[in-house]
Amino acid sequence: GRARADLPLTGFWMAAEIMGMGYSDNNLIDATAQLGWES
C-alpha cells in the first residue's frame, strides 16, 4: 500500500509506503515515510 499527496504548483510531495505479511511464526514489515521534489 502507498499514499502520496502532491503540493500543487511546488513540485513537492509527501508519501507513506508499507509492505508486509505474516505467516505462521514468520513476519515482515517494510515501511517508509518520504518527502520528495520533482522538477
ModelCIF file with pLDDT and N, C-alpha, C, O atoms, coordinates in Angstrom:
data_MODEL
#
_entry.id   MODEL 
#
_entity.id                         1 
_entity.type                       polymer 
_entity.pdbx_number_of_molecules   1 
#
_entity_poly.entity_id                      1 
_entity_poly.type                           'polypeptide(L)' 
_entity_poly.nstd_linkage                   no 
_entity_poly.nstd_monomer                   no 
_entity_poly.pdbx_seq_one_letter_code       GRARADLPLTGFWMAAEIMGMGYSDNNLIDATAQLGWES 
_entity_poly.pdbx_seq_one_letter_code_can   GRARADLPLTGFWMAAEIMGMGYSDNNLIDATAQLGWES 
_entity_poly.pdbx_strand_id                 A 
#
loop_
_entity_poly_seq.entity_id 
_entity_poly_seq.num 
_entity_poly_seq.mon_id 
_entity_poly_seq.hetero 
1 1  GLY n 
1 2  ARG n 
1 3  ALA n 
1 4  ARG n 
1 5  ALA n 
1 6  ASP n 
1 7  LEU n 
1 8  PRO n 
1 9  LEU n 
1 10 THR n 
1 11 GLY n 
1 12 PHE n 
1 13 TRP n 
1 14 MET n 
1 15 ALA n 
1 16 ALA n 
1 17 GLU n 
1 18 ILE n 
1 19 MET n 
1 20 GLY n 
1 21 MET n 
1 22 GLY n 
1 23 TYR n 
1 24 SER n 
1 25 ASP n 
1 26 ASN n 
1 27 ASN n 
1 28 LEU n 
1 29 ILE n 
1 30 ASP n 
1 31 ALA n 
1 32 THR n 
1 33 ALA n 
1 34 GLN n 
1 35 LEU n 
1 36 GLY n 
1 37 TRP n 
1 38 GLU n 
1 39 SER n 
#
_struct_asym.id          A 
_struct_asym.entity_id   1 
#
loop_
_ma_qa_metric.id 
_ma_qa_metric.mode 
_ma_qa_metric.name 
_ma_qa_metric.software_group_id 
_ma_qa_metric.type 
1 global pLDDT . pLDDT 
2 local  pLDDT . pLDDT 
#
_ma_qa_metric_global.metric_id      1 
_ma_qa_metric_global.metric_value   93.18 
_ma_qa_metric_global.model_id       1 
_ma_qa_metric_global.ordinal_id     1 
#
loop_
_ma_qa_metric_local.label_asym_id 
_ma_qa_metric_local.label_comp_id 
_ma_qa_metric_local.label_seq_id 
_ma_qa_metric_local.metric_id 
_ma_qa_metric_local.metric_value 
_ma_qa_metric_local.model_id 
_ma_qa_metric_local.ordinal_id 
A GLY 1  2 97.00 1 1  
A ARG 2  2 97.00 1 2  
A ALA 3  2 97.00 1 3  
A ARG 4  2 95.00 1 4  
A ALA 5  2 96.00 1 5  
A ASP 6  2 94.00 1 6  
A LEU 7  2 93.00 1 7  
A PRO 8  2 89.00 1 8  
A LEU 9  2 88.00 1 9  
A THR 10 2 93.00 1 10 
A GLY 11 2 93.00 1 11 
A PHE 12 2 97.00 1 12 
A TRP 13 2 96.00 1 13 
A MET 14 2 97.00 1 14 
A ALA 15 2 97.00 1 15 
A ALA 16 2 98.00 1 16 
A GLU 17 2 97.00 1 17 
A ILE 18 2 97.00 1 18 
A MET 19 2 96.00 1 19 
A GLY 20 2 94.00 1 20 
A MET 21 2 89.00 1 21 
A GLY 22 2 83.00 1 22 
A TYR 23 2 77.00 1 23 
A SER 24 2 76.00 1 24 
A ASP 25 2 77.00 1 25 
A ASN 26 2 84.00 1 26 
A ASN 27 2 90.00 1 27 
A LEU 28 2 93.00 1 28 
A ILE 29 2 96.00 1 29 
A ASP 30 2 97.00 1 30 
A ALA 31 2 98.00 1 31 
A THR 32 2 97.00 1 32 
A ALA 33 2 98.00 1 33 
A GLN 34 2 97.00 1 34 
A LEU 35 2 97.00 1 35 
A GLY 36 2 97.00 1 36 
A TRP 37 2 97.00 1 37 
A GLU 38 2 95.00 1 38 
A SER 39 2 95.00 1 39 
#
loop_
_atom_site.group_PDB 
_atom_site.id 
_atom_site.type_symbol 
_atom_site.label_atom_id 
_atom_site.label_alt_id 
_atom_site.label_comp_id 
_atom_site.label_asym_id 
_atom_site.label_entity_id 
_atom_site.label_seq_id 
_atom_site.pdbx_PDB_ins_code 
_atom_site.Cartn_x 
_atom_site.Cartn_y 
_atom_site.Cartn_z 
_atom_site.occupancy 
_atom_site.B_iso_or_equiv 
_atom_site.pdbx_formal_charge 
_atom_site.auth_seq_id 
_atom_site.auth_comp_id 
_atom_site.auth_asym_id 
_atom_site.auth_atom_id 
_atom_site.pdbx_PDB_model_num 
ATOM 1   N N  . GLY A 1 1  ? 0.821  -1.199  0.000   1.00 97.00 ? 1  GLY A N  1 
ATOM 2   C CA . GLY A 1 1  ? 0.000  0.000   0.000   1.00 97.00 ? 1  GLY A CA 1 
ATOM 3   C C  . GLY A 1 1  ? 0.856  1.250   0.000   1.00 97.00 ? 1  GLY A C  1 
ATOM 4   O O  . GLY A 1 1  ? 1.927  1.282   0.607   1.00 97.00 ? 1  GLY A O  1 
ATOM 5   N N  . ARG A 1 2  ? 0.378  2.283   -0.686  1.00 97.00 ? 2  ARG A N  1 
ATOM 6   C CA . ARG A 1 2  ? 1.104  3.542   -0.734  1.00 97.00 ? 2  ARG A CA 1 
ATOM 7   C C  . ARG A 1 2  ? 0.128  4.700   -0.881  1.00 97.00 ? 2  ARG A C  1 
ATOM 8   O O  . ARG A 1 2  ? -0.840 4.612   -1.637  1.00 97.00 ? 2  ARG A O  1 
ATOM 9   N N  . ALA A 1 3  ? 0.381  5.777   -0.164  1.00 97.00 ? 3  ALA A N  1 
ATOM 10  C CA . ALA A 1 3  ? -0.410 7.004   -0.280  1.00 97.00 ? 3  ALA A CA 1 
ATOM 11  C C  . ALA A 1 3  ? 0.547  8.156   -0.554  1.00 97.00 ? 3  ALA A C  1 
ATOM 12  O O  . ALA A 1 3  ? 1.600  8.272   0.075   1.00 97.00 ? 3  ALA A O  1 
ATOM 13  N N  . ARG A 1 4  ? 0.164  9.008   -1.505  1.00 95.00 ? 4  ARG A N  1 
ATOM 14  C CA . ARG A 1 4  ? 1.013  10.144  -1.875  1.00 95.00 ? 4  ARG A CA 1 
ATOM 15  C C  . ARG A 1 4  ? 0.149  11.385  -2.023  1.00 95.00 ? 4  ARG A C  1 
ATOM 16  O O  . ARG A 1 4  ? -0.956 11.326  -2.561  1.00 95.00 ? 4  ARG A O  1 
ATOM 17  N N  . ALA A 1 5  ? 0.667  12.513  -1.538  1.00 96.00 ? 5  ALA A N  1 
ATOM 18  C CA . ALA A 1 5  ? -0.013 13.802  -1.671  1.00 96.00 ? 5  ALA A CA 1 
ATOM 19  C C  . ALA A 1 5  ? 0.947  14.794  -2.309  1.00 96.00 ? 5  ALA A C  1 
ATOM 20  O O  . ALA A 1 5  ? 2.053  14.999  -1.807  1.00 96.00 ? 5  ALA A O  1 
ATOM 21  N N  . ASP A 1 6  ? 0.530  15.417  -3.423  1.00 94.00 ? 6  ASP A N  1 
ATOM 22  C CA . ASP A 1 6  ? 1.322  16.435  -4.099  1.00 94.00 ? 6  ASP A CA 1 
ATOM 23  C C  . ASP A 1 6  ? 0.916  17.820  -3.610  1.00 94.00 ? 6  ASP A C  1 
ATOM 24  O O  . ASP A 1 6  ? -0.269 18.100  -3.424  1.00 94.00 ? 6  ASP A O  1 
ATOM 25  N N  . LEU A 1 7  ? 1.899  18.674  -3.404  1.00 93.00 ? 7  LEU A N  1 
ATOM 26  C CA . LEU A 1 7  ? 1.626  20.060  -3.052  1.00 93.00 ? 7  LEU A CA 1 
ATOM 27  C C  . LEU A 1 7  ? 1.557  20.865  -4.341  1.00 93.00 ? 7  LEU A C  1 
ATOM 28  O O  . LEU A 1 7  ? 2.585  21.058  -4.991  1.00 93.00 ? 7  LEU A O  1 
ATOM 29  N N  . PRO A 1 8  ? 0.362  21.350  -4.737  1.00 89.00 ? 8  PRO A N  1 
ATOM 30  C CA . PRO A 1 8  ? 0.171  21.977  -6.058  1.00 89.00 ? 8  PRO A CA 1 
ATOM 31  C C  . PRO A 1 8  ? 1.146  23.124  -6.321  1.00 89.00 ? 8  PRO A C  1 
ATOM 32  O O  . PRO A 1 8  ? 1.415  23.957  -5.456  1.00 89.00 ? 8  PRO A O  1 
ATOM 33  N N  . LEU A 1 9  ? 1.663  23.130  -7.552  1.00 88.00 ? 9  LEU A N  1 
ATOM 34  C CA . LEU A 1 9  ? 2.479  24.229  -8.088  1.00 88.00 ? 9  LEU A CA 1 
ATOM 35  C C  . LEU A 1 9  ? 3.859  24.352  -7.434  1.00 88.00 ? 9  LEU A C  1 
ATOM 36  O O  . LEU A 1 9  ? 4.564  25.332  -7.672  1.00 88.00 ? 9  LEU A O  1 
ATOM 37  N N  . THR A 1 10 ? 4.248  23.383  -6.623  1.00 93.00 ? 10 THR A N  1 
ATOM 38  C CA . THR A 1 10 ? 5.543  23.479  -5.945  1.00 93.00 ? 10 THR A CA 1 
ATOM 39  C C  . THR A 1 10 ? 6.522  22.400  -6.387  1.00 93.00 ? 10 THR A C  1 
ATOM 40  O O  . THR A 1 10 ? 7.734  22.586  -6.281  1.00 93.00 ? 10 THR A O  1 
ATOM 41  N N  . GLY A 1 11 ? 6.016  21.280  -6.879  1.00 93.00 ? 11 GLY A N  1 
ATOM 42  C CA . GLY A 1 11 ? 6.866  20.140  -7.188  1.00 93.00 ? 11 GLY A CA 1 
ATOM 43  C C  . GLY A 1 11 ? 7.141  19.243  -5.999  1.00 93.00 ? 11 GLY A C  1 
ATOM 44  O O  . GLY A 1 11 ? 7.715  18.166  -6.164  1.00 93.00 ? 11 GLY A O  1 
ATOM 45  N N  . PHE A 1 12 ? 6.742  19.662  -4.794  1.00 97.00 ? 12 PHE A N  1 
ATOM 46  C CA . PHE A 1 12 ? 6.976  18.861  -3.599  1.00 97.00 ? 12 PHE A CA 1 
ATOM 47  C C  . PHE A 1 12 ? 5.853  17.841  -3.401  1.00 97.00 ? 12 PHE A C  1 
ATOM 48  O O  . PHE A 1 12 ? 4.707  18.073  -3.787  1.00 97.00 ? 12 PHE A O  1 
ATOM 49  N N  . TRP A 1 13 ? 6.205  16.724  -2.797  1.00 96.00 ? 13 TRP A N  1 
ATOM 50  C CA . TRP A 1 13 ? 5.218  15.693  -2.487  1.00 96.00 ? 13 TRP A CA 1 
ATOM 51  C C  . TRP A 1 13 ? 5.609  14.963  -1.219  1.00 96.00 ? 13 TRP A C  1 
ATOM 52  O O  . TRP A 1 13 ? 6.774  14.959  -0.822  1.00 96.00 ? 13 TRP A O  1 
ATOM 53  N N  . MET A 1 14 ? 4.623  14.346  -0.591  1.00 97.00 ? 14 MET A N  1 
ATOM 54  C CA . MET A 1 14 ? 4.816  13.534  0.606   1.00 97.00 ? 14 MET A CA 1 
ATOM 55  C C  . MET A 1 14 ? 4.178  12.174  0.371   1.00 97.00 ? 14 MET A C  1 
ATOM 56  O O  . MET A 1 14 ? 3.158  12.072  -0.311  1.00 97.00 ? 14 MET A O  1 
ATOM 57  N N  . ALA A 1 15 ? 4.776  11.130  0.933   1.00 97.00 ? 15 ALA A N  1 
ATOM 58  C CA . ALA A 1 15 ? 4.233  9.792   0.721   1.00 97.00 ? 15 ALA A CA 1 
ATOM 59  C C  . ALA A 1 15 ? 4.565  8.893   1.904   1.00 97.00 ? 15 ALA A C  1 
ATOM 60  O O  . ALA A 1 15 ? 5.514  9.128   2.651   1.00 97.00 ? 15 ALA A O  1 
ATOM 61  N N  . ALA A 1 16 ? 3.744  7.855   2.044   1.00 98.00 ? 16 ALA A N  1 
ATOM 62  C CA . ALA A 1 16 ? 3.996  6.785   3.010   1.00 98.00 ? 16 ALA A CA 1 
ATOM 63  C C  . ALA A 1 16 ? 3.738  5.465   2.301   1.00 98.00 ? 16 ALA A C  1 
ATOM 64  O O  . ALA A 1 16 ? 2.747  5.322   1.584   1.00 98.00 ? 16 ALA A O  1 
ATOM 65  N N  . GLU A 1 17 ? 4.625  4.506   2.500   1.00 97.00 ? 17 GLU A N  1 
ATOM 66  C CA . GLU A 1 17 ? 4.550  3.221   1.815   1.00 97.00 ? 17 GLU A CA 1 
ATOM 67  C C  . GLU A 1 17 ? 4.759  2.099   2.822   1.00 97.00 ? 17 GLU A C  1 
ATOM 68  O O  . GLU A 1 17 ? 5.598  2.204   3.716   1.00 97.00 ? 17 GLU A O  1 
ATOM 69  N N  . ILE A 1 18 ? 3.988  1.023   2.671   1.00 97.00 ? 18 ILE A N  1 
ATOM 70  C CA . ILE A 1 18 ? 4.150  -0.117  3.568   1.00 97.00 ? 18 ILE A CA 1 
ATOM 71  C C  . ILE A 1 18 ? 3.974  -1.411  2.785   1.00 97.00 ? 18 ILE A C  1 
ATOM 72  O O  . ILE A 1 18 ? 3.097  -1.517  1.928   1.00 97.00 ? 18 ILE A O  1 
ATOM 73  N N  . MET A 1 19 ? 4.807  -2.381  3.085   1.00 96.00 ? 19 MET A N  1 
ATOM 74  C CA . MET A 1 19 ? 4.723  -3.732  2.546   1.00 96.00 ? 19 MET A CA 1 
ATOM 75  C C  . MET A 1 19 ? 4.840  -4.696  3.718   1.00 96.00 ? 19 MET A C  1 
ATOM 76  O O  . MET A 1 19 ? 5.581  -4.434  4.665   1.00 96.00 ? 19 MET A O  1 
ATOM 77  N N  . GLY A 1 20 ? 4.119  -5.803  3.661   1.00 94.00 ? 20 GLY A N  1 
ATOM 78  C CA . GLY A 1 20 ? 4.251  -6.738  4.759   1.00 94.00 ? 20 GLY A CA 1 
ATOM 79  C C  . GLY A 1 20 ? 3.394  -7.977  4.604   1.00 94.00 ? 20 GLY A C  1 
ATOM 80  O O  . GLY A 1 20 ? 2.533  -8.063  3.729   1.00 94.00 ? 20 GLY A O  1 
ATOM 81  N N  . MET A 1 21 ? 3.658  -8.937  5.484   1.00 89.00 ? 21 MET A N  1 
ATOM 82  C CA . MET A 1 21 ? 2.903  -10.178 5.515   1.00 89.00 ? 21 MET A CA 1 
ATOM 83  C C  . MET A 1 21 ? 3.258  -10.924 6.786   1.00 89.00 ? 21 MET A C  1 
ATOM 84  O O  . MET A 1 21 ? 4.397  -10.872 7.252   1.00 89.00 ? 21 MET A O  1 
ATOM 85  N N  . GLY A 1 22 ? 2.277  -11.619 7.344   1.00 83.00 ? 22 GLY A N  1 
ATOM 86  C CA . GLY A 1 22 ? 2.501  -12.513 8.457   1.00 83.00 ? 22 GLY A CA 1 
ATOM 87  C C  . GLY A 1 22 ? 2.053  -13.913 8.078   1.00 83.00 ? 22 GLY A C  1 
ATOM 88  O O  . GLY A 1 22 ? 0.990  -14.085 7.481   1.00 83.00 ? 22 GLY A O  1 
ATOM 89  N N  . TYR A 1 23 ? 2.856  -14.918 8.421   1.00 77.00 ? 23 TYR A N  1 
ATOM 90  C CA . TYR A 1 23 ? 2.547  -16.297 8.067   1.00 77.00 ? 23 TYR A CA 1 
ATOM 91  C C  . TYR A 1 23 ? 3.126  -17.200 9.135   1.00 77.00 ? 23 TYR A C  1 
ATOM 92  O O  . TYR A 1 23 ? 4.344  -17.270 9.301   1.00 77.00 ? 23 TYR A O  1 
ATOM 93  N N  . SER A 1 24 ? 2.251  -17.902 9.872   1.00 76.00 ? 24 SER A N  1 
ATOM 94  C CA . SER A 1 24 ? 2.679  -18.767 10.957  1.00 76.00 ? 24 SER A CA 1 
ATOM 95  C C  . SER A 1 24 ? 3.516  -17.934 11.936  1.00 76.00 ? 24 SER A C  1 
ATOM 96  O O  . SER A 1 24 ? 3.039  -16.914 12.433  1.00 76.00 ? 24 SER A O  1 
ATOM 97  N N  . ASP A 1 25 ? 4.743  -18.350 12.218  1.00 77.00 ? 25 ASP A N  1 
ATOM 98  C CA . ASP A 1 25 ? 5.602  -17.586 13.135  1.00 77.00 ? 25 ASP A CA 1 
ATOM 99  C C  . ASP A 1 25 ? 6.502  -16.605 12.405  1.00 77.00 ? 25 ASP A C  1 
ATOM 100 O O  . ASP A 1 25 ? 7.430  -16.059 13.003  1.00 77.00 ? 25 ASP A O  1 
ATOM 101 N N  . ASN A 1 26 ? 6.245  -16.371 11.125  1.00 84.00 ? 26 ASN A N  1 
ATOM 102 C CA . ASN A 1 26 ? 7.102  -15.504 10.312  1.00 84.00 ? 26 ASN A CA 1 
ATOM 103 C C  . ASN A 1 26 ? 6.371  -14.204 9.995   1.00 84.00 ? 26 ASN A C  1 
ATOM 104 O O  . ASN A 1 26 ? 5.193  -14.204 9.637   1.00 84.00 ? 26 ASN A O  1 
ATOM 105 N N  . ASN A 1 27 ? 7.096  -13.104 10.134  1.00 90.00 ? 27 ASN A N  1 
ATOM 106 C CA . ASN A 1 27 ? 6.501  -11.789 9.905   1.00 90.00 ? 27 ASN A CA 1 
ATOM 107 C C  . ASN A 1 27 ? 7.513  -10.872 9.235   1.00 90.00 ? 27 ASN A C  1 
ATOM 108 O O  . ASN A 1 27 ? 8.718  -10.966 9.467   1.00 90.00 ? 27 ASN A O  1 
ATOM 109 N N  . LEU A 1 28 ? 6.989  -9.983  8.396   1.00 93.00 ? 28 LEU A N  1 
ATOM 110 C CA . LEU A 1 28 ? 7.827  -8.986  7.740   1.00 93.00 ? 28 LEU A CA 1 
ATOM 111 C C  . LEU A 1 28 ? 7.027  -7.704  7.576   1.00 93.00 ? 28 LEU A C  1 
ATOM 112 O O  . LEU A 1 28 ? 5.896  -7.732  7.091   1.00 93.00 ? 28 LEU A O  1 
ATOM 113 N N  . ILE A 1 29 ? 7.606  -6.592  7.976   1.00 96.00 ? 29 ILE A N  1 
ATOM 114 C CA . ILE A 1 29 ? 7.034  -5.269  7.734   1.00 96.00 ? 29 ILE A CA 1 
ATOM 115 C C  . ILE A 1 29 ? 8.140  -4.372  7.195   1.00 96.00 ? 29 ILE A C  1 
ATOM 116 O O  . ILE A 1 29 ? 9.227  -4.301  7.767   1.00 96.00 ? 29 ILE A O  1 
ATOM 117 N N  . ASP A 1 30 ? 7.856  -3.691  6.092   1.00 97.00 ? 30 ASP A N  1 
ATOM 118 C CA . ASP A 1 30 ? 8.801  -2.762  5.477   1.00 97.00 ? 30 ASP A CA 1 
ATOM 119 C C  . ASP A 1 30 ? 8.047  -1.460  5.228   1.00 97.00 ? 30 ASP A C  1 
ATOM 120 O O  . ASP A 1 30 ? 7.209  -1.392  4.329   1.00 97.00 ? 30 ASP A O  1 
ATOM 121 N N  . ALA A 1 31 ? 8.338  -0.430  6.015   1.00 98.00 ? 31 ALA A N  1 
ATOM 122 C CA . ALA A 1 31 ? 7.577  0.822   5.967   1.00 98.00 ? 31 ALA A CA 1 
ATOM 123 C C  . ALA A 1 31 ? 8.512  2.004   5.722   1.00 98.00 ? 31 ALA A C  1 
ATOM 124 O O  . ALA A 1 31 ? 9.634  2.041   6.227   1.00 98.00 ? 31 ALA A O  1 
ATOM 125 N N  . THR A 1 32 ? 8.032  2.960   4.941   1.00 97.00 ? 32 THR A N  1 
ATOM 126 C CA . THR A 1 32 ? 8.836  4.134   4.581   1.00 97.00 ? 32 THR A CA 1 
ATOM 127 C C  . THR A 1 32 ? 7.975  5.389   4.615   1.00 97.00 ? 32 THR A C  1 
ATOM 128 O O  . THR A 1 32 ? 6.842  5.386   4.134   1.00 97.00 ? 32 THR A O  1 
ATOM 129 N N  . ALA A 1 33 ? 8.516  6.458   5.184   1.00 98.00 ? 33 ALA A N  1 
ATOM 130 C CA . ALA A 1 33 ? 7.926  7.799   5.106   1.00 98.00 ? 33 ALA A CA 1 
ATOM 131 C C  . ALA A 1 33 ? 8.837  8.646   4.226   1.00 98.00 ? 33 ALA A C  1 
ATOM 132 O O  . ALA A 1 33 ? 10.056 8.625   4.395   1.00 98.00 ? 33 ALA A O  1 
ATOM 133 N N  . GLN A 1 34 ? 8.249  9.402   3.275   1.00 97.00 ? 34 GLN A N  1 
ATOM 134 C CA . GLN A 1 34 ? 9.042  10.072  2.250   1.00 97.00 ? 34 GLN A CA 1 
ATOM 135 C C  . GLN A 1 34 ? 8.622  11.533  2.068   1.00 97.00 ? 34 GLN A C  1 
ATOM 136 O O  . GLN A 1 34 ? 7.453  11.887  2.219   1.00 97.00 ? 34 GLN A O  1 
ATOM 137 N N  . LEU A 1 35 ? 9.598  12.356  1.742   1.00 97.00 ? 35 LEU A N  1 
ATOM 138 C CA . LEU A 1 35 ? 9.375  13.730  1.289   1.00 97.00 ? 35 LEU A CA 1 
ATOM 139 C C  . LEU A 1 35 ? 10.210 13.935  0.040   1.00 97.00 ? 35 LEU A C  1 
ATOM 140 O O  . LEU A 1 35 ? 11.417 13.695  0.053   1.00 97.00 ? 35 LEU A O  1 
ATOM 141 N N  . GLY A 1 36 ? 9.573  14.382  -1.053  1.00 97.00 ? 36 GLY A N  1 
ATOM 142 C CA . GLY A 1 36 ? 10.294 14.497  -2.310  1.00 97.00 ? 36 GLY A CA 1 
ATOM 143 C C  . GLY A 1 36 ? 9.980  15.753  -3.073  1.00 97.00 ? 36 GLY A C  1 
ATOM 144 O O  . GLY A 1 36 ? 9.076  16.512  -2.725  1.00 97.00 ? 36 GLY A O  1 
ATOM 145 N N  . TRP A 1 37 ? 10.754 15.958  -4.133  1.00 97.00 ? 37 TRP A N  1 
ATOM 146 C CA . TRP A 1 37 ? 10.555 17.107  -5.029  1.00 97.00 ? 37 TRP A CA 1 
ATOM 147 C C  . TRP A 1 37 ? 10.851 16.646  -6.445  1.00 97.00 ? 37 TRP A C  1 
ATOM 148 O O  . TRP A 1 37 ? 11.795 15.892  -6.682  1.00 97.00 ? 37 TRP A O  1 
ATOM 149 N N  . GLU A 1 38 ? 10.027 17.112  -7.394  1.00 95.00 ? 38 GLU A N  1 
ATOM 150 C CA . GLU A 1 38 ? 10.205 16.767  -8.799  1.00 95.00 ? 38 GLU A CA 1 
ATOM 151 C C  . GLU A 1 38 ? 10.204 18.034  -9.640  1.00 95.00 ? 38 GLU A C  1 
ATOM 152 O O  . GLU A 1 38 ? 9.315  18.874  -9.503  1.00 95.00 ? 38 GLU A O  1 
ATOM 153 N N  . SER A 1 39 ? 11.204 18.172  -10.513 1.00 95.00 ? 39 SER A N  1 
ATOM 154 C CA . SER A 1 39 ? 11.301 19.346  -11.373 1.00 95.00 ? 39 SER A CA 1 
ATOM 155 C C  . SER A 1 39 ? 10.352 19.214  -12.554 1.00 95.00 ? 39 SER A C  1 
ATOM 156 O O  . SER A 1 39 ? 10.288 20.108  -13.398 1.00 95.00 ? 39 SER A O  1 
#
